[in-house]
């Protein structure tokens, strides 16, 4: 079932506004690569393009700007994922011109309880360093199934354009376009998509994401909270950053001396930033580093409460904890939940692990009772 939304708004000129595309766009849809794509040089070229960035078997960026994509399945555990019963889901088109969709999840029980209380809305942006990943990837899909069933909530998993074909801030523009679509749905009332009209409480909307999706959730929330984008009657009641993907030129302690057995290396993090940020930008670019030298101050922004999830065995741990500390210094409502021994991306790498189970309980409490501005460890 496809649902067309209202025309999206364009954010004002600022760090979230992109210029013309800097790289040739691949023929592969940005959301879900399924087969290798190869570009060849014309007969007039005398030298083959060189490989500039390489995620073996998954993604190559060549010196002429072309992109070769492979099968991302090699990055994920091979064990089959168990089913999550009691959840309905479907895809809806939210941006026709860009071909972008949102996967809508709702508990089956909410259908039988017609006329009963509506459920909070959890917007979710998948991870992948802004370069890989998909809202349809099985591990992200499973996480959203669990969240819909166990919170319970209406979960909206958002597709966005990927770099290096679409460099930042393209993904953030897509996030803003999605919120415009969601606002349009809220304004339609009973005329909205039936699942949303029947089940969604737009006054309790939470914006969340994992890794790069958490970075995206931060920027989308800032835009809404600083009135760069009018989302009323949608009310952003909070946001959730899980293993957030932030960067900076100066190394933190966990980057300089990484924990053992990390799932994301410093080198891998740097490569994703090189492929996703505007050409020539450093890791202090405002999209990567919200507290960098050129980043706008958040002190006056009326941010909603935030839940920051920080796994211990993560090279980005210091950046995640530093983000929470800086917001607290500004008087924002911040809750930090640490997970001892867990890696970057644990919530989807092991979606039925003990830590993922605990995360669901933490998320449920945050969505239904709000932040307590404290820290917990698990």
Protein backbone atom coordinates (compact mmCIF):
# COMPACT_ATOMS: atom_id res chain seq x y z
CA UNK A 1 0.00 0.00 0.00
CA UNK A 2 1.38 3.37 -1.02
CA UNK A 3 0.35 6.60 0.65
CA UNK A 4 1.19 9.94 -0.92
CA UNK A 5 1.94 12.77 1.47
CA UNK A 6 1.74 16.52 1.10
CA UNK A 7 4.45 18.48 -0.65
CA UNK A 8 7.43 18.84 1.68
CA UNK A 9 8.87 22.13 2.85
CA UNK A 10 12.43 23.13 2.08
CA UNK A 11 14.44 24.17 5.16
CA UNK A 12 15.92 27.67 5.12
CA UNK A 13 19.45 28.28 3.93
CA UNK A 14 21.78 26.94 6.61
CA UNK A 15 24.03 23.96 7.25
CA UNK A 16 21.19 21.65 6.31
CA UNK A 17 20.84 23.02 2.76
CA UNK A 18 22.86 21.18 0.11
CA UNK A 19 24.29 22.50 -3.12
CA UNK A 20 24.27 20.72 -6.47
CA UNK A 21 25.29 17.03 -6.40
CA UNK A 22 29.03 16.64 -6.06
CA UNK A 23 29.19 13.08 -7.30
CA UNK A 24 27.72 11.12 -10.15
CA UNK A 25 24.63 9.31 -8.94
CA UNK A 26 24.77 5.52 -9.19
CA UNK A 27 22.05 3.57 -10.94
CA UNK A 28 21.27 1.73 -7.74
CA UNK A 29 18.43 3.06 -5.54
CA UNK A 30 19.99 4.64 -2.47
CA UNK A 31 17.95 2.70 0.04
CA UNK A 32 18.74 -0.95 -0.61
CA UNK A 33 21.61 -2.13 -2.81
CA UNK A 34 21.03 -5.69 -3.98
CA UNK A 35 23.61 -6.35 -6.69
CA UNK A 36 26.99 -4.98 -7.77
CA UNK A 37 26.93 -1.92 -10.02
CA UNK A 38 29.91 -1.29 -12.24
CA UNK A 39 30.81 1.88 -14.10
CA UNK A 40 33.19 1.83 -17.05
CA UNK A 41 35.24 4.61 -18.53
CA UNK A 42 34.55 5.85 -22.05
CA UNK A 43 36.79 4.80 -24.89
CA UNK A 44 38.49 8.19 -24.89
CA UNK A 45 39.86 7.71 -21.37
CA UNK A 46 43.41 6.47 -21.19
CA UNK A 47 43.59 5.57 -17.48
CA UNK A 48 41.24 3.53 -15.34
CA UNK A 49 39.81 5.29 -12.28
CA UNK A 50 41.53 4.57 -8.99
CA UNK A 51 39.85 3.23 -5.87
CA UNK A 52 39.72 6.07 -3.35
CA UNK A 53 37.67 4.40 -0.60
CA UNK A 54 36.93 0.71 -0.20
CA UNK A 55 34.60 -1.19 2.11
CA UNK A 56 35.49 -4.63 0.72
CA UNK A 57 32.67 -6.38 -1.08
CA UNK A 58 30.21 -3.66 -0.14
CA UNK A 59 31.15 -0.19 -1.38
CA UNK A 60 33.89 1.42 -3.48
CA UNK A 61 34.32 5.09 -4.32
CA UNK A 62 36.45 5.67 -7.43
CA UNK A 63 38.54 8.67 -8.38
CA UNK A 64 36.10 9.75 -11.10
CA UNK A 65 33.32 9.97 -8.51
CA UNK A 66 31.59 6.78 -9.58
CA UNK A 67 30.38 4.23 -7.04
CA UNK A 68 30.43 0.45 -7.03
CA UNK A 69 28.00 -1.20 -4.62
CA UNK A 70 27.98 -4.84 -3.59
CA UNK A 71 25.99 -7.02 -1.21
CA UNK A 72 25.73 -5.61 2.31
CA UNK A 73 24.66 -8.99 3.68
CA UNK A 74 28.35 -9.83 4.22
CA UNK A 75 28.43 -7.28 7.06
CA UNK A 76 25.68 -8.91 9.09
CA UNK A 77 25.47 -12.06 11.24
CA UNK A 78 24.28 -15.05 9.22
CA UNK A 79 22.03 -16.52 11.91
CA UNK A 80 18.36 -16.29 10.94
CA UNK A 81 16.25 -13.86 12.94
CA UNK A 82 13.17 -15.15 14.75
CA UNK A 83 9.81 -13.72 13.86
CA UNK A 84 8.12 -11.06 15.99
CA UNK A 85 4.41 -11.90 16.11
CA UNK A 86 1.59 -9.45 16.63
CA UNK A 87 2.82 -6.59 14.41
CA UNK A 88 1.47 -5.32 11.10
CA UNK A 89 3.70 -3.39 8.72
CA UNK A 90 3.58 -1.79 5.29
CA UNK A 91 5.56 0.70 3.19
CA UNK A 92 4.24 4.16 2.31
CA UNK A 93 5.73 6.70 -0.09
CA UNK A 94 6.58 9.98 1.63
CA UNK A 95 8.59 11.70 -1.12
CA UNK A 96 7.52 10.77 -4.64
CA UNK A 97 10.16 12.80 -6.49
CA UNK A 98 13.00 11.11 -4.60
CA UNK A 99 11.29 7.72 -4.44
CA UNK A 100 11.60 7.59 -0.65
CA UNK A 101 9.38 5.47 1.59
CA UNK A 102 8.65 4.94 5.24
CA UNK A 103 7.93 1.54 6.74
CA UNK A 104 4.94 1.79 9.08
CA UNK A 105 4.60 -0.66 11.97
CA UNK A 106 1.72 -1.01 14.41
CA UNK A 107 0.74 -3.68 16.94
CA UNK A 108 -2.06 -5.93 15.71
CA UNK A 109 -3.78 -5.44 19.07
CA UNK A 110 -4.21 -1.74 18.28
CA UNK A 111 -6.44 -2.68 15.34
CA UNK A 112 -8.85 -4.66 17.48
CA UNK A 113 -8.96 -1.84 20.06
CA UNK A 114 -10.66 0.60 17.72
CA UNK A 115 -11.67 3.74 19.57
CA UNK A 116 -9.21 3.03 22.36
CA UNK A 117 -6.21 5.15 23.36
CA UNK A 118 -3.82 5.91 20.52
CA UNK A 119 -0.15 4.99 20.64
CA UNK A 120 2.97 7.16 20.70
CA UNK A 121 4.88 7.55 17.44
CA UNK A 122 8.52 6.45 17.26
CA UNK A 123 10.36 7.75 14.19
CA UNK A 124 13.44 5.64 13.47
CA UNK A 125 16.45 6.32 11.22
CA UNK A 126 18.68 3.34 10.44
CA UNK A 127 22.47 3.38 10.75
CA UNK A 128 25.30 2.72 8.33
CA UNK A 129 27.67 5.70 8.40
CA UNK A 130 25.33 7.58 6.04
CA UNK A 131 26.73 5.33 3.28
CA UNK A 132 25.14 1.91 3.73
CA UNK A 133 22.08 0.37 5.37
CA UNK A 134 18.40 0.32 4.57
CA UNK A 135 15.08 0.62 6.34
CA UNK A 136 14.34 -2.82 4.85
CA UNK A 137 17.52 -4.52 6.10
CA UNK A 138 16.41 -7.50 8.25
CA UNK A 139 18.16 -6.43 11.47
CA UNK A 140 16.77 -2.88 11.38
CA UNK A 141 13.38 -4.33 10.43
CA UNK A 142 13.48 -6.71 13.40
CA UNK A 143 14.38 -3.91 15.81
CA UNK A 144 11.35 -1.93 14.61
CA UNK A 145 9.07 -4.96 14.93
CA UNK A 146 10.17 -5.37 18.54
CA UNK A 147 9.72 -1.69 19.33
CA UNK A 148 6.20 -1.66 17.87
CA UNK A 149 5.21 -4.75 19.85
CA UNK A 150 6.94 -4.11 23.16
CA UNK A 151 6.64 -0.38 23.78
CA UNK A 152 3.97 -0.48 22.19
CA UNK A 153 4.11 2.25 19.55
CA UNK A 154 3.53 3.17 15.96
CA UNK A 155 7.04 2.90 14.52
CA UNK A 156 7.98 4.80 11.37
CA UNK A 157 11.28 3.60 9.86
CA UNK A 158 12.46 6.18 7.35
CA UNK A 159 14.36 5.62 4.13
CA UNK A 160 16.84 8.36 3.21
CA UNK A 161 19.37 8.96 0.46
CA UNK A 162 22.84 7.55 0.97
CA UNK A 163 26.31 8.94 0.36
CA UNK A 164 28.58 9.08 -1.55
CA UNK A 165 25.99 9.34 -4.34
CA UNK A 166 24.13 11.88 -2.20
CA UNK A 167 26.50 13.62 0.16
CA UNK A 168 25.37 15.32 3.33
CA UNK A 169 23.24 17.19 4.10
CA UNK A 170 21.03 15.22 1.64
CA UNK A 171 20.00 12.70 4.32
CA UNK A 172 19.10 15.52 6.72
CA UNK A 173 17.00 17.18 4.02
CA UNK A 174 15.19 13.84 3.64
CA UNK A 175 14.60 13.71 7.39
CA UNK A 176 13.09 17.19 7.24
CA UNK A 177 10.95 16.17 4.25
CA UNK A 178 9.68 13.20 6.23
CA UNK A 179 8.66 15.40 9.17
CA UNK A 180 6.80 17.64 6.70
CA UNK A 181 4.99 14.56 5.40
CA UNK A 182 4.17 13.51 8.97
CA UNK A 183 2.87 16.99 9.75
CA UNK A 184 0.66 16.73 6.66
CA UNK A 185 -0.70 13.41 7.89
CA UNK A 186 -1.47 14.91 11.31
CA UNK A 187 -3.26 17.86 9.69
CA UNK A 188 -5.43 15.51 7.60
CA UNK A 189 -6.95 13.89 10.69
CA UNK A 190 -9.38 11.17 9.62
CA UNK A 191 -8.26 11.71 6.03
CA UNK A 192 -4.71 10.59 6.78
CA UNK A 193 -3.32 7.17 6.07
CA UNK A 194 -5.80 4.83 7.83
CA UNK A 195 -3.16 3.21 10.03
CA UNK A 196 -1.98 6.59 11.31
CA UNK A 197 -5.48 8.02 11.63
CA UNK A 198 -6.59 5.02 13.68
CA UNK A 199 -3.52 4.44 15.83
CA UNK A 200 -1.02 7.34 15.98
CA UNK A 201 -0.91 9.97 18.72
CA UNK A 202 1.03 12.71 16.92
CA UNK A 203 1.26 14.68 20.15
CA UNK A 204 3.65 12.03 21.48
CA UNK A 205 6.20 11.76 18.68
CA UNK A 206 9.74 10.64 19.46
CA UNK A 207 12.61 10.90 16.96
CA UNK A 208 15.22 8.17 17.22
CA UNK A 209 18.02 6.47 15.37
CA UNK A 210 21.05 4.22 15.62
CA UNK A 211 24.61 5.27 14.71
CA UNK A 212 24.34 7.60 11.67
CA UNK A 213 20.58 7.45 12.20
CA UNK A 214 21.15 8.90 15.68
CA UNK A 215 23.20 11.71 14.17
CA UNK A 216 20.32 12.31 11.76
CA UNK A 217 17.80 12.22 14.62
CA UNK A 218 19.80 14.93 16.42
CA UNK A 219 19.80 17.27 13.43
CA UNK A 220 16.14 16.72 12.56
CA UNK A 221 15.17 17.36 16.19
CA UNK A 222 17.25 20.55 16.30
CA UNK A 223 15.52 21.84 13.17
CA UNK A 224 12.08 21.20 14.66
CA UNK A 225 13.00 22.61 18.09
CA UNK A 226 14.60 25.78 16.71
CA UNK A 227 11.61 26.57 14.49
CA UNK A 228 13.62 26.06 11.32
CA UNK A 229 10.79 23.73 10.43
CA UNK A 230 7.17 23.99 11.54
CA UNK A 231 5.92 20.52 12.43
CA UNK A 232 2.71 21.46 14.30
CA UNK A 233 0.37 19.65 15.05
CA UNK A 234 3.11 17.03 15.45
CA UNK A 235 4.76 17.47 18.85
CA UNK A 236 8.27 16.12 19.30
CA UNK A 237 8.11 14.91 22.90
CA UNK A 238 11.65 13.52 23.01
CA UNK A 239 14.49 12.03 21.02
CA UNK A 240 16.65 8.95 21.37
CA UNK A 241 20.27 8.56 20.24
CA UNK A 242 21.57 4.97 20.19
CA UNK A 243 25.33 4.58 19.59
CA UNK A 244 25.37 8.02 17.99
CA UNK A 245 27.76 8.61 15.07
CA UNK A 246 29.53 11.89 15.81
CA UNK A 247 32.97 13.04 14.73
CA UNK A 248 35.65 15.68 15.22
CA UNK A 249 39.16 16.49 14.08
CA UNK A 250 40.69 16.16 17.54
CA UNK A 251 40.85 12.57 18.73
CA UNK A 252 39.08 11.58 21.93
CA UNK A 253 40.60 9.14 24.41
CA UNK A 254 38.54 6.19 23.14
CA UNK A 255 39.54 7.03 19.55
CA UNK A 256 43.23 7.36 20.40
CA UNK A 257 43.20 4.16 22.49
CA UNK A 258 40.20 2.11 21.30
CA UNK A 259 38.61 -0.60 23.42
CA UNK A 260 39.29 -4.19 22.43
CA UNK A 261 36.92 -6.00 20.08
CA UNK A 262 35.11 -3.00 18.63
CA UNK A 263 32.55 -3.40 15.84
CA UNK A 264 33.38 0.02 14.35
CA UNK A 265 37.04 1.03 14.06
CA UNK A 266 38.42 4.56 14.01
CA UNK A 267 39.56 3.95 10.44
CA UNK A 268 36.08 2.83 9.45
CA UNK A 269 34.49 5.85 11.09
CA UNK A 270 36.89 8.20 9.31
CA UNK A 271 36.17 6.54 5.97
CA UNK A 272 32.42 6.96 6.35
CA UNK A 273 32.89 10.66 7.10
CA UNK A 274 35.17 11.10 4.07
CA UNK A 275 32.53 9.53 1.86
CA UNK A 276 29.51 11.27 3.36
CA UNK A 277 30.54 14.84 4.20
CA UNK A 278 30.81 17.52 1.49
CA UNK A 279 34.03 17.13 -0.50
CA UNK A 280 36.89 18.79 1.35
CA UNK A 281 35.04 19.08 4.66
CA UNK A 282 36.75 18.03 7.87
CA UNK A 283 35.26 15.98 10.71
CA UNK A 284 34.58 19.29 12.48
CA UNK A 285 31.84 20.01 9.93
CA UNK A 286 28.65 20.91 11.86
CA UNK A 287 26.88 17.75 10.68
CA UNK A 288 29.62 15.54 12.14
CA UNK A 289 30.49 17.64 15.20
CA UNK A 290 27.51 19.45 16.77
CA UNK A 291 29.94 21.29 19.07
CA UNK A 292 32.61 22.09 16.48
CA UNK A 293 34.11 25.53 15.85
CA UNK A 294 31.57 26.33 13.10
CA UNK A 295 28.55 24.63 14.67
CA UNK A 296 25.61 26.82 15.72
CA UNK A 297 25.05 27.02 19.47
CA UNK A 298 22.34 24.84 20.95
CA UNK A 299 22.08 26.88 24.14
CA UNK A 300 18.96 28.76 23.06
CA UNK A 301 17.31 25.81 21.32
CA UNK A 302 14.32 24.44 23.25
CA UNK A 303 15.30 20.80 22.84
CA UNK A 304 12.94 18.11 24.14
CA UNK A 305 14.25 15.51 26.61
CA UNK A 306 16.86 13.18 25.12
CA UNK A 307 17.76 9.58 25.92
CA UNK A 308 21.43 8.93 25.07
CA UNK A 309 22.41 5.26 24.80
CA UNK A 310 26.17 4.67 25.17
CA UNK A 311 27.73 1.22 24.69
CA UNK A 312 31.02 0.82 26.55
CA UNK A 313 33.09 -0.93 23.85
CA UNK A 314 32.74 1.79 21.24
CA UNK A 315 35.40 4.09 19.80
CA UNK A 316 32.73 6.80 19.75
CA UNK A 317 31.84 6.42 23.44
CA UNK A 318 33.63 9.61 24.51
CA UNK A 319 31.85 11.60 21.80
CA UNK A 320 28.47 10.22 22.88
CA UNK A 321 29.14 10.95 26.55
CA UNK A 322 30.55 14.37 25.66
CA UNK A 323 27.37 15.20 23.75
CA UNK A 324 25.27 14.39 26.81
CA UNK A 325 27.57 16.38 29.10
CA UNK A 326 27.48 19.49 26.91
CA UNK A 327 23.68 19.44 26.76
CA UNK A 328 23.47 19.05 30.52
CA UNK A 329 25.75 22.08 30.94
CA UNK A 330 23.17 24.02 28.92
CA UNK A 331 20.39 22.90 31.25
CA UNK A 332 18.78 20.42 28.85
CA UNK A 333 16.92 17.34 30.08
CA UNK A 334 19.28 14.44 29.40
CA UNK A 335 19.19 10.78 30.38
CA UNK A 336 22.21 8.58 29.72
CA UNK A 337 22.02 4.81 29.71
CA UNK A 338 25.33 2.96 29.49
CA UNK A 339 25.70 -0.67 28.44
CA UNK A 340 28.82 -2.33 29.82
CA UNK A 341 30.74 -4.50 27.37
CA UNK A 342 28.46 -3.75 24.43
CA UNK A 343 29.66 -2.69 20.99
CA UNK A 344 28.62 0.08 18.63
CA UNK A 345 25.35 -0.95 17.01
CA UNK A 346 24.53 -3.65 19.57
CA UNK A 347 20.81 -2.88 19.31
CA UNK A 348 20.68 -4.26 15.76
CA UNK A 349 23.74 -6.52 15.61
CA UNK A 350 22.21 -8.67 18.37
CA UNK A 351 18.54 -7.64 18.33
CA UNK A 352 17.50 -10.40 20.77
CA UNK A 353 20.50 -10.18 23.09
CA UNK A 354 20.24 -9.38 26.78
CA UNK A 355 21.33 -5.77 26.20
CA UNK A 356 18.76 -5.32 23.42
CA UNK A 357 16.09 -6.70 25.74
CA UNK A 358 17.10 -4.20 28.43
CA UNK A 359 17.16 -1.38 25.87
CA UNK A 360 13.53 -2.09 25.00
CA UNK A 361 12.58 -1.67 28.67
CA UNK A 362 14.56 1.60 28.91
CA UNK A 363 12.98 2.89 25.71
CA UNK A 364 9.50 1.95 26.88
CA UNK A 365 9.94 3.82 30.15
CA UNK A 366 11.35 6.90 28.40
CA UNK A 367 8.50 7.04 25.89
CA UNK A 368 5.75 6.50 28.45
CA UNK A 369 7.09 8.34 31.51
CA UNK A 370 9.72 10.78 30.22
CA UNK A 371 13.29 11.47 31.23
CA UNK A 372 14.52 11.69 34.82
CA UNK A 373 17.75 13.52 33.85
CA UNK A 374 19.97 10.85 35.33
CA UNK A 375 22.38 8.12 34.30
CA UNK A 376 22.04 4.36 34.51
CA UNK A 377 24.31 1.46 33.68
CA UNK A 378 23.41 -2.02 32.50
